[in-house]
Amino acid sequence: MKNRKTYENTLSIILDELDIKMEEVKVEQVILNRYGKRAIRLDAWGKTVDNRQINMEMENNMHDDVKK
């Protein structure tokens, strides 16, 4: 998700909004807690031009939970 246009297109599909424009995109961002320890890691964080903040987590598993 390093590419801004790819992030916009993916969000457009997921949120069913045709014209999402990103002002800022950061990938693999670590958010520290107030003690300076690692708290969370965001796969892709972005801020839209209308000031909405969006966090997208992506998973790539070879196995699923669906019983065969």
PDB file of N, CA and C in Angstrom:
ATOM      1  N   MET A   1       0.811  -1.203   0.000  1.00  0.00           N
ATOM      2  CA  MET A   1       0.000   0.000   0.000  1.00  0.00           C
ATOM      3  C   MET A   1       0.854   1.267   0.000  1.00  0.00           C
ATOM      4  N   LYS A   2       2.085   1.168  -0.430  1.00  0.00           N
ATOM      5  CA  LYS A   2       2.932   2.354  -0.480  1.00  0.00           C
ATOM      6  C   LYS A   2       2.469   3.331  -1.554  1.00  0.00           C
ATOM      7  N   ASN A   3       1.757   2.825  -2.550  1.00  0.00           N
ATOM      8  CA  ASN A   3       1.278   3.666  -3.633  1.00  0.00           C
ATOM      9  C   ASN A   3      -0.050   4.309  -3.248  1.00  0.00           C
ATOM     10  N   ARG A   4      -0.086   5.632  -3.263  1.00  0.00           N
ATOM     11  CA  ARG A   4      -1.280   6.377  -2.837  1.00  0.00           C
ATOM     12  C   ARG A   4      -2.499   6.020  -3.683  1.00  0.00           C
ATOM     13  N   LYS A   5      -2.325   5.905  -4.992  1.00  0.00           N
ATOM     14  CA  LYS A   5      -3.456   5.606  -5.883  1.00  0.00           C
ATOM     15  C   LYS A   5      -4.016   4.206  -5.603  1.00  0.00           C
ATOM     16  N   THR A   6      -3.145   3.254  -5.315  1.00  0.00           N
ATOM     17  CA  THR A   6      -3.597   1.902  -4.970  1.00  0.00           C
ATOM     18  C   THR A   6      -4.426   1.928  -3.693  1.00  0.00           C
ATOM     19  N   TYR A   7      -3.972   2.690  -2.703  1.00  0.00           N
ATOM     20  CA  TYR A   7      -4.702   2.828  -1.439  1.00  0.00           C
ATOM     21  C   TYR A   7      -6.068   3.464  -1.689  1.00  0.00           C
ATOM     22  N   GLU A   8      -6.110   4.522  -2.509  1.00  0.00           N
ATOM     23  CA  GLU A   8      -7.377   5.184  -2.836  1.00  0.00           C
ATOM     24  C   GLU A   8      -8.333   4.220  -3.540  1.00  0.00           C
ATOM     25  N   ASN A   9      -7.822   3.462  -4.498  1.00  0.00           N
ATOM     26  CA  ASN A   9      -8.676   2.518  -5.232  1.00  0.00           C
ATOM     27  C   ASN A   9      -9.216   1.415  -4.330  1.00  0.00           C
ATOM     28  N   THR A  10      -8.373   0.876  -3.458  1.00  0.00           N
ATOM     29  CA  THR A  10      -8.805  -0.176  -2.535  1.00  0.00           C
ATOM     30  C   THR A  10      -9.885   0.341  -1.587  1.00  0.00           C
ATOM     31  N   LEU A  11      -9.669   1.519  -1.012  1.00  0.00           N
ATOM     32  CA  LEU A  11     -10.666   2.108  -0.112  1.00  0.00           C
ATOM     33  C   LEU A  11     -11.957   2.432  -0.849  1.00  0.00           C
ATOM     34  N   SER A  12     -11.849   2.886  -2.082  1.00  0.00           N
ATOM     35  CA  SER A  12     -13.021   3.201  -2.885  1.00  0.00           C
ATOM     36  C   SER A  12     -13.910   1.972  -3.055  1.00  0.00           C
ATOM     37  N   ILE A  13     -13.293   0.822  -3.282  1.00  0.00           N
ATOM     38  CA  ILE A  13     -14.046  -0.427  -3.439  1.00  0.00           C
ATOM     39  C   ILE A  13     -14.651  -0.865  -2.108  1.00  0.00           C
ATOM     40  N   ILE A  14     -13.852  -0.879  -1.052  1.00  0.00           N
ATOM     41  CA  ILE A  14     -14.316  -1.356   0.254  1.00  0.00           C
ATOM     42  C   ILE A  14     -15.416  -0.468   0.827  1.00  0.00           C
ATOM     43  N   LEU A  15     -15.233   0.857   0.737  1.00  0.00           N
ATOM     44  CA  LEU A  15     -16.185   1.796   1.331  1.00  0.00           C
ATOM     45  C   LEU A  15     -17.309   2.196   0.379  1.00  0.00           C
ATOM     46  N   ASP A  16     -17.233   1.735  -0.877  1.00  0.00           N
ATOM     47  CA  ASP A  16     -18.226   2.082  -1.898  1.00  0.00           C
ATOM     48  C   ASP A  16     -18.352   3.599  -2.058  1.00  0.00           C
ATOM     49  N   GLU A  17     -17.205   4.259  -2.089  1.00  0.00           N
ATOM     50  CA  GLU A  17     -17.126   5.703  -2.335  1.00  0.00           C
ATOM     51  C   GLU A  17     -16.248   5.897  -3.565  1.00  0.00           C
ATOM     52  N   LEU A  18     -16.799   6.507  -4.591  1.00  0.00           N
ATOM     53  CA  LEU A  18     -16.096   6.578  -5.867  1.00  0.00           C
ATOM     54  C   LEU A  18     -14.891   7.504  -5.880  1.00  0.00           C
ATOM     55  N   ASP A  19     -14.906   8.572  -5.114  1.00  0.00           N
ATOM     56  CA  ASP A  19     -13.878   9.598  -5.277  1.00  0.00           C
ATOM     57  C   ASP A  19     -13.138   9.901  -3.973  1.00  0.00           C
ATOM     58  N   ILE A  20     -12.472   8.902  -3.412  1.00  0.00           N
ATOM     59  CA  ILE A  20     -11.679   9.118  -2.199  1.00  0.00           C
ATOM     60  C   ILE A  20     -10.317   9.663  -2.608  1.00  0.00           C
ATOM     61  N   LYS A  21      -9.923  10.763  -2.008  1.00  0.00           N
ATOM     62  CA  LYS A  21      -8.607  11.354  -2.274  1.00  0.00           C
ATOM     63  C   LYS A  21      -7.817  11.394  -0.976  1.00  0.00           C
ATOM     64  N   MET A  22      -6.628  10.820  -1.012  1.00  0.00           N
ATOM     65  CA  MET A  22      -5.770  10.767   0.164  1.00  0.00           C
ATOM     66  C   MET A  22      -4.820  11.955   0.175  1.00  0.00           C
ATOM     67  N   GLU A  23      -4.716  12.587   1.337  1.00  0.00           N
ATOM     68  CA  GLU A  23      -3.760  13.677   1.532  1.00  0.00           C
ATOM     69  C   GLU A  23      -2.414  13.123   1.981  1.00  0.00           C
ATOM     70  N   GLU A  24      -2.465  12.062   2.795  1.00  0.00           N
ATOM     71  CA  GLU A  24      -1.249  11.499   3.382  1.00  0.00           C
ATOM     72  C   GLU A  24      -1.423   9.994   3.548  1.00  0.00           C
ATOM     73  N   VAL A  25      -0.368   9.240   3.262  1.00  0.00           N
ATOM     74  CA  VAL A  25      -0.382   7.787   3.433  1.00  0.00           C
ATOM     75  C   VAL A  25       0.923   7.367   4.094  1.00  0.00           C
ATOM     76  N   LYS A  26       0.822   6.554   5.146  1.00  0.00           N
ATOM     77  CA  LYS A  26       2.002   6.001   5.819  1.00  0.00           C
ATOM     78  C   LYS A  26       1.801   4.500   5.947  1.00  0.00           C
ATOM     79  N   VAL A  27       2.859   3.741   5.684  1.00  0.00           N
ATOM     80  CA  VAL A  27       2.762   2.285   5.802  1.00  0.00           C
ATOM     81  C   VAL A  27       3.678   1.787   6.906  1.00  0.00           C
ATOM     82  N   GLU A  28       3.276   0.651   7.505  1.00  0.00           N
ATOM     83  CA  GLU A  28       4.052   0.037   8.592  1.00  0.00           C
ATOM     84  C   GLU A  28       4.447   1.063   9.654  1.00  0.00           C
ATOM     85  N   GLN A  29       3.478   1.853  10.078  1.00  0.00           N
ATOM     86  CA  GLN A  29       3.708   2.889  11.084  1.00  0.00           C
ATOM     87  C   GLN A  29       3.558   2.299  12.481  1.00  0.00           C
ATOM     88  N   VAL A  30       4.535   2.556  13.335  1.00  0.00           N
ATOM     89  CA  VAL A  30       4.491   2.089  14.717  1.00  0.00           C
ATOM     90  C   VAL A  30       4.018   3.238  15.599  1.00  0.00           C
ATOM     91  N   ILE A  31       2.981   2.990  16.382  1.00  0.00           N
ATOM     92  CA  ILE A  31       2.448   3.974  17.320  1.00  0.00           C
ATOM     93  C   ILE A  31       2.898   3.559  18.715  1.00  0.00           C
ATOM     94  N   LEU A  32       3.653   4.410  19.375  1.00  0.00           N
ATOM     95  CA  LEU A  32       4.163   4.103  20.714  1.00  0.00           C
ATOM     96  C   LEU A  32       3.188   4.570  21.780  1.00  0.00           C
ATOM     97  N   ASN A  33       3.190   3.857  22.905  1.00  0.00           N
ATOM     98  CA  ASN A  33       2.382   4.311  24.027  1.00  0.00           C
ATOM     99  C   ASN A  33       3.126   5.423  24.767  1.00  0.00           C
ATOM    100  N   ARG A  34       2.557   5.936  25.814  1.00  0.00           N
ATOM    101  CA  ARG A  34       3.161   7.091  26.492  1.00  0.00           C
ATOM    102  C   ARG A  34       4.469   6.767  27.207  1.00  0.00           C
ATOM    103  N   TYR A  35       4.777   5.483  27.354  1.00  0.00           N
ATOM    104  CA  TYR A  35       6.030   5.089  27.991  1.00  0.00           C
ATOM    105  C   TYR A  35       7.132   4.837  26.967  1.00  0.00           C
ATOM    106  N   GLY A  36       6.825   5.041  25.693  1.00  0.00           N
ATOM    107  CA  GLY A  36       7.817   4.856  24.648  1.00  0.00           C
ATOM    108  C   GLY A  36       7.975   3.431  24.175  1.00  0.00           C
ATOM    109  N   LYS A  37       7.096   2.563  24.610  1.00  0.00           N
ATOM    110  CA  LYS A  37       7.132   1.161  24.184  1.00  0.00           C
ATOM    111  C   LYS A  37       6.220   0.988  22.965  1.00  0.00           C
ATOM    112  N   ARG A  38       6.526  -0.001  22.145  1.00  0.00           N
ATOM    113  CA  ARG A  38       5.693  -0.238  20.968  1.00  0.00           C
ATOM    114  C   ARG A  38       4.299  -0.668  21.400  1.00  0.00           C
ATOM    115  N   ALA A  39       3.301   0.027  20.928  1.00  0.00           N
ATOM    116  CA  ALA A  39       1.932  -0.296  21.285  1.00  0.00           C
ATOM    117  C   ALA A  39       1.228  -1.031  20.140  1.00  0.00           C
ATOM    118  N   ILE A  40       1.200  -0.426  18.955  1.00  0.00           N
ATOM    119  CA  ILE A  40       0.551  -1.061  17.806  1.00  0.00           C
ATOM    120  C   ILE A  40       1.341  -0.757  16.538  1.00  0.00           C
ATOM    121  N   ARG A  41       1.138  -1.578  15.536  1.00  0.00           N
ATOM    122  CA  ARG A  41       1.727  -1.343  14.211  1.00  0.00           C
ATOM    123  C   ARG A  41       0.576  -1.289  13.209  1.00  0.00           C
ATOM    124  N   LEU A  42       0.472  -0.189  12.490  1.00  0.00           N
ATOM    125  CA  LEU A  42      -0.564  -0.029  11.480  1.00  0.00           C
ATOM    126  C   LEU A  42      -0.009  -0.450  10.125  1.00  0.00           C
ATOM    127  N   ASP A  43      -0.712  -1.344   9.423  1.00  0.00           N
ATOM    128  CA  ASP A  43      -0.254  -1.748   8.093  1.00  0.00           C
ATOM    129  C   ASP A  43      -0.264  -0.558   7.143  1.00  0.00           C
ATOM    130  N   ALA A  44      -1.386   0.130   7.064  1.00  0.00           N
ATOM    131  CA  ALA A  44      -1.487   1.317   6.210  1.00  0.00           C
ATOM    132  C   ALA A  44      -2.424   2.310   6.875  1.00  0.00           C
ATOM    133  N   TRP A  45      -1.911   3.498   7.116  1.00  0.00           N
ATOM    134  CA  TRP A  45      -2.696   4.574   7.713  1.00  0.00           C
ATOM    135  C   TRP A  45      -2.773   5.696   6.697  1.00  0.00           C
ATOM    136  N   GLY A  46      -3.926   6.318   6.597  1.00  0.00           N
ATOM    137  CA  GLY A  46      -4.055   7.427   5.668  1.00  0.00           C
ATOM    138  C   GLY A  46      -5.008   8.484   6.174  1.00  0.00           C
ATOM    139  N   LYS A  47      -4.799   9.708   5.674  1.00  0.00           N
ATOM    140  CA  LYS A  47      -5.698  10.819   5.981  1.00  0.00           C
ATOM    141  C   LYS A  47      -6.240  11.343   4.663  1.00  0.00           C
ATOM    142  N   THR A  48      -7.567  11.453   4.574  1.00  0.00           N
ATOM    143  CA  THR A  48      -8.202  11.929   3.350  1.00  0.00           C
ATOM    144  C   THR A  48      -8.165  13.453   3.302  1.00  0.00           C
ATOM    145  N   VAL A  49      -8.450  14.005   2.119  1.00  0.00           N
ATOM    146  CA  VAL A  49      -8.445  15.460   1.973  1.00  0.00           C
ATOM    147  C   VAL A  49      -9.559  16.105   2.790  1.00  0.00           C
ATOM    148  N   ASP A  50     -10.616  15.340   3.125  1.00  0.00           N
ATOM    149  CA  ASP A  50     -11.669  15.883   3.988  1.00  0.00           C
ATOM    150  C   ASP A  50     -11.425  15.528   5.457  1.00  0.00           C
ATOM    151  N   ASN A  51     -10.161  15.198   5.785  1.00  0.00           N
ATOM    152  CA  ASN A  51      -9.659  15.043   7.154  1.00  0.00           C
ATOM    153  C   ASN A  51     -10.156  13.793   7.885  1.00  0.00           C
ATOM    154  N   ARG A  52     -10.556  12.746   7.163  1.00  0.00           N
ATOM    155  CA  ARG A  52     -10.882  11.465   7.799  1.00  0.00           C
ATOM    156  C   ARG A  52      -9.597  10.660   7.923  1.00  0.00           C
ATOM    157  N   GLN A  53      -9.460   9.933   9.021  1.00  0.00           N
ATOM    158  CA  GLN A  53      -8.305   9.061   9.212  1.00  0.00           C
ATOM    159  C   GLN A  53      -8.755   7.617   9.047  1.00  0.00           C
ATOM    160  N   ILE A  54      -7.980   6.858   8.245  1.00  0.00           N
ATOM    161  CA  ILE A  54      -8.353   5.487   7.927  1.00  0.00           C
ATOM    162  C   ILE A  54      -7.160   4.576   8.176  1.00  0.00           C
ATOM    163  N   ASN A  55      -7.389   3.495   8.910  1.00  0.00           N
ATOM    164  CA  ASN A  55      -6.369   2.481   9.155  1.00  0.00           C
ATOM    165  C   ASN A  55      -6.811   1.208   8.450  1.00  0.00           C
ATOM    166  N   MET A  56      -5.939   0.659   7.603  1.00  0.00           N
ATOM    167  CA  MET A  56      -6.264  -0.567   6.885  1.00  0.00           C
ATOM    168  C   MET A  56      -5.273  -1.655   7.274  1.00  0.00           C
ATOM    169  N   GLU A  57      -5.793  -2.779   7.706  1.00  0.00           N
ATOM    170  CA  GLU A  57      -4.968  -3.931   8.045  1.00  0.00           C
ATOM    171  C   GLU A  57      -5.162  -4.987   6.967  1.00  0.00           C
ATOM    172  N   MET A  58      -4.081  -5.513   6.450  1.00  0.00           N
ATOM    173  CA  MET A  58      -4.135  -6.512   5.384  1.00  0.00           C
ATOM    174  C   MET A  58      -3.539  -7.813   5.900  1.00  0.00           C
ATOM    175  N   GLU A  59      -4.166  -8.922   5.561  1.00  0.00           N
ATOM    176  CA  GLU A  59      -3.666 -10.239   5.948  1.00  0.00           C
ATOM    177  C   GLU A  59      -3.489 -11.088   4.699  1.00  0.00           C
ATOM    178  N   ASN A  60      -2.470 -11.910   4.712  1.00  0.00           N
ATOM    179  CA  ASN A  60      -2.214 -12.829   3.611  1.00  0.00           C
ATOM    180  C   ASN A  60      -1.945 -14.199   4.218  1.00  0.00           C
ATOM    181  N   ASN A  61      -2.985 -14.978   4.396  1.00  0.00           N
ATOM    182  CA  ASN A  61      -2.859 -16.303   5.007  1.00  0.00           C
ATOM    183  C   ASN A  61      -2.947 -17.391   3.957  1.00  0.00           C
ATOM    184  N   MET A  62      -2.149 -18.399   4.138  1.00  0.00           N
ATOM    185  CA  MET A  62      -2.220 -19.560   3.262  1.00  0.00           C
ATOM    186  C   MET A  62      -3.315 -20.510   3.743  1.00  0.00           C
ATOM    187  N   HIS A  63      -3.758 -20.349   4.987  1.00  0.00           N
ATOM    188  CA  HIS A  63      -4.770 -21.226   5.570  1.00  0.00           C
ATOM    189  C   HIS A  63      -5.972 -20.383   5.967  1.00  0.00           C
ATOM    190  N   ASP A  64      -7.144 -20.966   5.881  1.00  0.00           N
ATOM    191  CA  ASP A  64      -8.339 -20.266   6.331  1.00  0.00           C
ATOM    192  C   ASP A  64      -9.056 -21.102   7.388  1.00  0.00           C
ATOM    193  N   ASP A  65     -10.122 -20.549   7.943  1.00  0.00           N
ATOM    194  CA  ASP A  65     -10.870 -21.229   8.991  1.00  0.00           C
ATOM    195  C   ASP A  65     -12.060 -22.027   8.448  1.00  0.00           C
ATOM    196  N   VAL A  66     -12.195 -22.072   7.138  1.00  0.00           N
ATOM    197  CA  VAL A  66     -13.319 -22.770   6.533  1.00  0.00           C
ATOM    198  C   VAL A  66     -13.021 -24.267   6.505  1.00  0.00           C
ATOM    199  N   LYS A  67     -13.933 -25.053   7.099  1.00  0.00           N
ATOM    200  CA  LYS A  67     -13.752 -26.507   7.106  1.00  0.00           C
ATOM    201  C   LYS A  67     -14.010 -27.057   5.714  1.00  0.00           C
ATOM    202  N   LYS A  68     -13.168 -27.969   5.310  1.00  0.00           N
ATOM    203  CA  LYS A  68     -13.289 -28.576   3.974  1.00  0.00           C
ATOM    204  C   LYS A  68     -14.036 -29.881   4.070  1.00  0.00           C
TER     205      LYS A  68
END
